[in-house]
Amino acid sequence: MQFRTYINIKPCSEQIDHSKSIFSLGSCFAENIASKLQRAKFRVTASPTGILFNPESIADTITRLASTHCDESLNMAIREDLHSCDGRWFSYDVHSSLCDNDTDTTVAKIAAAYRQGHEALQQSDVVILTFGTAWVYRLRETGEVVANCHKQPHNLFSRELLSVEHIVNRYSELLSNAALADKRVIFTVSPVRHLADGLADNSLSKAILRVAIGELVRTHSNVEYFPAYEILNDELRDYRFYAEDMIHPSPTAINYIWQRFGEYAFSDSTRQLIEQAESITQASEHRPMNPASQAHKTFCKQMLDRIAKIKERHPNLDFSKETDSFCKYL
């Protein structure tokens, strides 16, 4: 007897290996997968301007990164877009982690994030976009959709539900121009539930996102969908796979979705390389009971030899952190 639904996932049309550069943007779930990719020694840039939840803000960010001019005009544009509250400067386009009490520092942080994102997007082979919600908040004064409300008064914003047609049109344009036309784009819907919207509105929101992505997959040959949302809600389907807040997936769920992503995106040889890389990283994080012992020194030398052998075949893999960790005991 089978006591759970198993989702059959068709492998992606072009498998991802360590020669590919990856750019990830979207909700906090996008960062979870990106951190797994980074730990597996892929070249990944994730959410340089911070977490983004809705498709409109993600599209705005892609447009901005694709057209960013890395000169003084960038700083001027950022400065003109800043707002202040209780002595803290912020932009509605970026996460609060890029804000500061000093104007120049805020501008410098945001400009650095844009420059990093611009370079990463240009160099990327694969772009992973994770939609969290179809609900957006607009500034009443300008009509601008904000990426982050920065805990400003609710009366400054109006709440609106994006339509399937709007999302499809916006991303069809991005997929047809220089921003994404030459990229392999993998869409996901975040399994994180937006309970602030209410469960009924959250379900409506996720349905809109899924239908919009389905249409983009149908009409664009460089677009695919990875069913992270369905894996958590239909395959795992149990509150034990949620964190204590009953909103976010638990570490166990994230690890399982990562495993399924590997089945979807990686070849057998790439998965074997990931296992080797992760074992070295885990070993470097281990706290030795007797770091001065000959046994531990021998162990560190063995790990360095393993790194050297992998680097011979895959010179672009970065084991500098692990190498430093092992060398300090020799």
Protein backbone atom coordinates (compact mmCIF):
# COMPACT_ATOMS: atom_id res chain seq x y z
CA MET A 1 0.00 0.00 0.00
CA GLN A 2 1.13 3.55 -0.74
CA PHE A 3 0.40 6.15 1.91
CA ARG A 4 1.49 9.31 0.14
CA THR A 5 1.32 10.90 -3.29
CA TYR A 6 4.61 10.90 -5.15
CA ILE A 7 5.08 13.65 -7.72
CA ASN A 8 6.73 12.52 -10.94
CA ILE A 9 8.96 15.36 -12.08
CA LYS A 10 10.11 15.48 -15.68
CA PRO A 11 13.88 16.22 -15.78
CA CYS A 12 14.75 19.70 -17.01
CA SER A 13 15.58 19.93 -20.69
CA GLU A 14 19.10 21.22 -20.07
CA GLN A 15 20.72 19.84 -16.93
CA ILE A 16 22.64 22.17 -14.65
CA ASP A 17 26.27 21.44 -13.85
CA HIS A 18 29.05 23.37 -12.13
CA SER A 19 30.03 25.16 -15.33
CA LYS A 20 26.74 27.10 -15.19
CA SER A 21 26.34 30.44 -13.45
CA ILE A 22 23.05 30.77 -11.55
CA PHE A 23 21.05 33.86 -10.57
CA SER A 24 18.21 33.46 -8.08
CA LEU A 25 15.56 36.03 -7.21
CA GLY A 26 12.33 36.00 -5.25
CA SER A 27 10.93 34.90 -1.93
CA CYS A 28 12.77 33.53 1.08
CA PHE A 29 12.31 30.04 -0.36
CA ALA A 30 14.51 31.11 -3.29
CA GLU A 31 17.24 31.89 -0.78
CA ASN A 32 16.87 28.44 0.78
CA ILE A 33 17.53 26.72 -2.53
CA ALA A 34 20.28 29.21 -3.41
CA SER A 35 22.08 28.47 -0.14
CA LYS A 36 21.95 24.75 -0.98
CA LEU A 37 23.42 25.47 -4.41
CA GLN A 38 26.18 27.61 -2.88
CA ARG A 39 27.03 24.89 -0.38
CA ALA A 40 27.23 22.45 -3.31
CA LYS A 41 29.86 24.80 -4.86
CA PHE A 42 27.75 26.19 -7.67
CA ARG A 43 28.35 29.78 -8.74
CA VAL A 44 25.21 31.44 -7.40
CA THR A 45 24.09 35.00 -6.74
CA ALA A 46 20.88 35.18 -4.72
CA SER A 47 18.57 38.14 -4.14
CA PRO A 48 21.19 40.95 -4.10
CA THR A 49 18.52 43.54 -3.22
CA GLY A 50 16.85 41.28 -0.66
CA ILE A 51 13.79 39.04 -0.53
CA LEU A 52 11.07 39.83 -3.08
CA PHE A 53 7.61 38.31 -2.75
CA ASN A 54 5.46 39.38 -5.69
CA PRO A 55 5.98 38.98 -9.47
CA GLU A 56 5.74 42.73 -10.13
CA SER A 57 8.60 43.63 -7.77
CA ILE A 58 10.69 40.75 -9.14
CA ALA A 59 10.07 41.99 -12.70
CA ASP A 60 10.89 45.57 -11.69
CA THR A 61 14.16 44.40 -10.14
CA ILE A 62 15.14 42.36 -13.21
CA THR A 63 14.43 45.37 -15.43
CA ARG A 64 16.48 47.62 -13.16
CA LEU A 65 19.41 45.18 -12.96
CA ALA A 66 19.43 44.61 -16.72
CA SER A 67 19.67 48.34 -17.41
CA THR A 68 21.86 49.42 -14.49
CA HIS A 69 24.63 51.85 -15.41
CA CYS A 70 27.53 51.39 -13.01
CA ASP A 71 28.43 55.06 -12.79
CA GLU A 72 27.61 58.14 -10.73
CA SER A 73 24.15 58.40 -12.31
CA LEU A 74 23.20 55.21 -10.44
CA ASN A 75 23.99 56.83 -7.08
CA MET A 76 22.00 59.93 -8.04
CA ALA A 77 18.96 57.87 -9.03
CA ILE A 78 19.07 55.91 -5.77
CA ARG A 79 19.42 59.07 -3.69
CA GLU A 80 16.39 60.65 -5.38
CA ASP A 81 14.31 57.57 -4.55
CA LEU A 82 15.11 57.47 -0.83
CA HIS A 83 12.61 58.08 1.96
CA SER A 84 13.19 58.83 5.61
CA CYS A 85 11.39 57.74 8.77
CA ASP A 86 12.62 58.18 12.35
CA GLY A 87 16.07 59.09 11.06
CA ARG A 88 16.42 55.95 8.94
CA TRP A 89 16.76 56.15 5.15
CA PHE A 90 15.18 53.46 2.98
CA SER A 91 13.99 52.61 -0.52
CA TYR A 92 10.69 50.88 -1.25
CA ASP A 93 12.51 48.84 -3.92
CA VAL A 94 14.90 46.96 -1.63
CA HIS A 95 15.03 45.06 1.64
CA SER A 96 15.47 46.84 4.99
CA SER A 97 18.91 45.25 5.40
CA LEU A 98 20.17 47.77 2.82
CA CYS A 99 18.88 50.74 4.81
CA ASP A 100 20.86 52.90 7.23
CA ASN A 101 20.69 56.01 9.41
CA ASP A 102 23.20 57.70 7.10
CA THR A 103 22.14 58.74 3.59
CA ASP A 104 25.50 58.11 1.93
CA THR A 105 25.79 54.67 3.53
CA THR A 106 22.31 53.73 2.35
CA VAL A 107 23.09 54.87 -1.21
CA ALA A 108 26.38 52.95 -1.17
CA LYS A 109 24.72 49.74 0.06
CA ILE A 110 21.95 49.86 -2.54
CA ALA A 111 24.34 50.80 -5.36
CA ALA A 112 26.63 47.90 -4.46
CA ALA A 113 23.65 45.52 -4.50
CA TYR A 114 22.55 46.77 -7.92
CA ARG A 115 26.06 46.46 -9.35
CA GLN A 116 26.41 42.93 -7.99
CA GLY A 117 23.00 41.98 -9.38
CA HIS A 118 23.71 43.58 -12.76
CA GLU A 119 26.93 41.61 -13.19
CA ALA A 120 25.42 38.36 -11.92
CA LEU A 121 22.36 38.63 -14.18
CA GLN A 122 24.50 39.39 -17.23
CA GLN A 123 26.82 36.44 -16.58
CA SER A 124 24.12 33.94 -15.59
CA ASP A 125 23.18 30.91 -17.64
CA VAL A 126 20.28 29.88 -15.41
CA VAL A 127 17.81 32.19 -13.65
CA ILE A 128 15.61 30.79 -10.86
CA LEU A 129 12.58 32.96 -10.03
CA THR A 130 10.35 32.17 -7.05
CA PHE A 131 6.94 33.83 -6.75
CA GLY A 132 5.53 34.12 -3.23
CA THR A 133 2.25 35.99 -3.60
CA ALA A 134 0.13 37.70 -6.25
CA TRP A 135 -0.96 40.34 -3.74
CA VAL A 136 0.86 43.66 -4.07
CA TYR A 137 0.89 46.97 -2.21
CA ARG A 138 0.88 50.26 -4.12
CA LEU A 139 1.85 53.66 -2.81
CA ARG A 140 -1.34 55.70 -3.01
CA GLU A 141 0.65 58.83 -3.83
CA THR A 142 2.50 57.45 -6.88
CA GLY A 143 0.81 54.17 -7.79
CA GLU A 144 4.18 52.42 -7.50
CA VAL A 145 4.19 48.77 -6.41
CA VAL A 146 6.57 48.45 -3.47
CA ALA A 147 8.87 45.52 -2.83
CA ASN A 148 8.95 46.26 0.90
CA CYS A 149 6.59 48.41 2.98
CA HIS A 150 9.29 49.04 5.64
CA LYS A 151 6.59 49.03 8.35
CA GLN A 152 5.16 52.31 7.12
CA PRO A 153 1.51 53.23 7.96
CA HIS A 154 -1.05 51.11 6.13
CA ASN A 155 -2.94 54.14 4.89
CA LEU A 156 -0.01 54.96 2.59
CA PHE A 157 -0.76 51.84 0.51
CA SER A 158 -3.56 50.20 -1.41
CA ARG A 159 -3.72 46.41 -1.69
CA GLU A 160 -4.27 44.79 -5.07
CA LEU A 161 -4.32 41.33 -6.62
CA LEU A 162 -2.30 40.92 -9.81
CA SER A 163 -4.06 39.20 -12.69
CA VAL A 164 -2.78 36.19 -14.63
CA GLU A 165 -2.84 38.28 -17.80
CA HIS A 166 -0.71 41.04 -16.26
CA ILE A 167 1.93 38.61 -14.96
CA VAL A 168 2.11 36.75 -18.28
CA ASN A 169 2.42 39.98 -20.30
CA ARG A 170 5.07 41.42 -18.00
CA TYR A 171 7.26 38.32 -18.10
CA SER A 172 6.70 37.64 -21.78
CA GLU A 173 8.28 41.04 -22.39
CA LEU A 174 11.26 40.21 -20.14
CA LEU A 175 11.69 36.82 -21.79
CA SER A 176 11.75 38.45 -25.21
CA ASN A 177 14.32 41.16 -24.51
CA ALA A 178 17.92 41.28 -23.35
CA ALA A 179 17.01 40.72 -19.70
CA LEU A 180 16.09 37.02 -19.97
CA ALA A 181 15.99 36.03 -23.65
CA ASP A 182 19.30 34.15 -23.56
CA LYS A 183 18.77 32.54 -20.13
CA ARG A 184 17.33 29.23 -19.01
CA VAL A 185 14.55 30.37 -16.65
CA ILE A 186 13.17 28.08 -13.95
CA PHE A 187 10.06 29.32 -12.17
CA THR A 188 8.88 28.06 -8.79
CA VAL A 189 6.00 28.98 -6.51
CA SER A 190 7.03 29.34 -2.90
CA PRO A 191 5.34 26.82 -0.59
CA VAL A 192 5.46 29.44 2.20
CA ARG A 193 1.90 30.38 3.14
CA HIS A 194 1.08 34.09 3.44
CA LEU A 195 -1.29 33.84 6.39
CA ALA A 196 -1.53 37.64 6.67
CA ASP A 197 -3.56 37.47 3.45
CA GLY A 198 -5.92 34.91 5.00
CA LEU A 199 -6.00 31.29 3.87
CA ALA A 200 -8.66 31.88 1.21
CA ASP A 201 -6.80 34.83 -0.32
CA ASN A 202 -3.52 32.91 -0.05
CA SER A 203 -5.03 30.02 -2.05
CA LEU A 204 -6.36 32.44 -4.66
CA SER A 205 -2.95 34.09 -4.88
CA LYS A 206 -1.05 30.81 -5.33
CA ALA A 207 -3.54 29.68 -8.00
CA ILE A 208 -2.95 32.88 -10.00
CA LEU A 209 0.82 32.43 -9.78
CA ARG A 210 0.62 28.81 -10.89
CA VAL A 211 -1.66 29.52 -13.85
CA ALA A 212 0.53 32.43 -14.97
CA ILE A 213 3.68 30.29 -14.85
CA GLY A 214 1.89 27.51 -16.70
CA GLU A 215 1.13 29.91 -19.53
CA LEU A 216 4.73 31.17 -19.62
CA VAL A 217 6.00 27.58 -19.80
CA ARG A 218 3.58 26.85 -22.64
CA THR A 219 4.58 29.88 -24.71
CA HIS A 220 8.35 30.18 -24.13
CA SER A 221 10.84 27.45 -24.98
CA ASN A 222 13.45 28.65 -22.45
CA VAL A 223 11.05 28.48 -19.47
CA GLU A 224 10.44 25.55 -17.11
CA TYR A 225 8.65 24.95 -13.81
CA PHE A 226 9.90 23.14 -10.73
CA PRO A 227 7.01 22.05 -8.45
CA ALA A 228 8.35 23.04 -5.01
CA TYR A 229 4.86 24.18 -3.98
CA GLU A 230 3.28 20.87 -4.93
CA ILE A 231 6.02 18.82 -3.27
CA LEU A 232 5.36 20.37 0.14
CA ASN A 233 1.59 20.60 -0.13
CA ASP A 234 0.79 17.34 -1.93
CA GLU A 235 3.73 14.98 -1.50
CA LEU A 236 4.81 15.80 2.06
CA ARG A 237 1.39 17.12 3.13
CA ASP A 238 1.89 17.10 6.89
CA TYR A 239 2.44 19.78 9.54
CA ARG A 240 5.56 17.98 10.74
CA PHE A 241 7.22 19.28 7.57
CA TYR A 242 6.60 22.88 8.63
CA ALA A 243 8.68 25.02 10.97
CA GLU A 244 7.29 26.05 14.37
CA ASP A 245 5.48 29.03 12.82
CA MET A 246 3.41 26.59 10.70
CA ILE A 247 4.15 28.83 7.71
CA HIS A 248 7.67 28.10 6.48
CA PRO A 249 8.95 24.64 5.47
CA SER A 250 11.06 22.87 8.07
CA PRO A 251 14.74 22.02 7.47
CA THR A 252 13.65 18.46 6.71
CA ALA A 253 11.23 19.68 4.06
CA ILE A 254 13.84 22.01 2.53
CA ASN A 255 16.35 19.16 2.38
CA TYR A 256 13.79 16.91 0.71
CA ILE A 257 12.81 19.56 -1.86
CA TRP A 258 16.53 20.10 -2.52
CA GLN A 259 16.88 16.35 -3.13
CA ARG A 260 13.99 16.44 -5.61
CA PHE A 261 15.50 19.51 -7.28
CA GLY A 262 18.70 17.51 -7.74
CA GLU A 263 16.76 14.72 -9.42
CA TYR A 264 15.16 17.31 -11.68
CA ALA A 265 18.19 19.45 -12.54
CA PHE A 266 21.41 17.43 -12.12
CA SER A 267 23.00 14.49 -13.89
CA ASP A 268 24.27 11.48 -11.91
CA SER A 269 27.85 12.74 -12.22
CA THR A 270 26.89 16.20 -10.95
CA ARG A 271 25.08 14.69 -7.97
CA GLN A 272 28.17 12.62 -7.15
CA LEU A 273 30.32 15.76 -7.28
CA ILE A 274 27.84 17.54 -4.99
CA GLU A 275 28.09 14.71 -2.45
CA GLN A 276 31.89 14.94 -2.51
CA ALA A 277 31.81 18.72 -2.10
CA GLU A 278 29.29 18.58 0.74
CA SER A 279 31.29 15.92 2.60
CA ILE A 280 34.37 18.16 2.47
CA THR A 281 32.38 21.17 3.67
CA GLN A 282 30.91 19.14 6.55
CA ALA A 283 34.38 17.95 7.51
CA SER A 284 35.69 21.52 7.56
CA GLU A 285 32.87 22.53 9.92
CA HIS A 286 33.64 19.73 12.37
CA ARG A 287 35.15 20.84 15.68
CA PRO A 288 38.04 18.52 16.53
CA MET A 289 38.33 17.24 20.10
CA ASN A 290 42.14 17.47 19.93
CA PRO A 291 43.13 19.85 17.11
CA ALA A 292 46.85 19.53 17.89
CA SER A 293 46.87 15.73 17.57
CA GLN A 294 48.75 13.97 14.79
CA ALA A 295 45.56 12.13 13.90
CA HIS A 296 43.73 15.38 13.18
CA LYS A 297 46.66 16.74 11.17
CA THR A 298 46.63 13.58 9.07
CA PHE A 299 42.88 13.99 8.58
CA CYS A 300 43.32 17.62 7.42
CA LYS A 301 46.03 16.57 4.94
CA GLN A 302 43.69 13.88 3.56
CA MET A 303 40.96 16.49 3.11
CA LEU A 304 43.36 18.83 1.31
CA ASP A 305 44.35 15.97 -0.98
CA ARG A 306 40.68 15.35 -1.77
CA ILE A 307 40.18 19.04 -2.56
CA ALA A 308 43.25 19.01 -4.85
CA LYS A 309 41.95 15.99 -6.76
CA ILE A 310 38.53 17.61 -7.27
CA LYS A 311 40.16 20.89 -8.33
CA GLU A 312 42.18 19.03 -10.98
CA ARG A 313 38.94 18.02 -12.68
CA HIS A 314 36.86 21.07 -11.71
CA PRO A 315 39.16 24.09 -11.30
CA ASN A 316 36.27 26.57 -11.06
CA LEU A 317 35.00 25.12 -7.75
CA ASP A 318 35.82 27.36 -4.82
CA PHE A 319 37.11 25.48 -1.76
CA SER A 320 39.08 28.43 -0.35
CA LYS A 321 37.09 28.52 2.90
CA GLU A 322 37.51 24.80 3.48
CA THR A 323 41.19 24.93 2.52
CA ASP A 324 41.83 27.69 5.07
CA SER A 325 39.96 25.70 7.69
CA PHE A 326 42.13 22.61 7.21
CA CYS A 327 45.44 24.49 6.77
CA LYS A 328 45.17 26.28 10.11
CA TYR A 329 45.69 22.96 11.90
CA LEU A 330 48.89 22.06 10.01
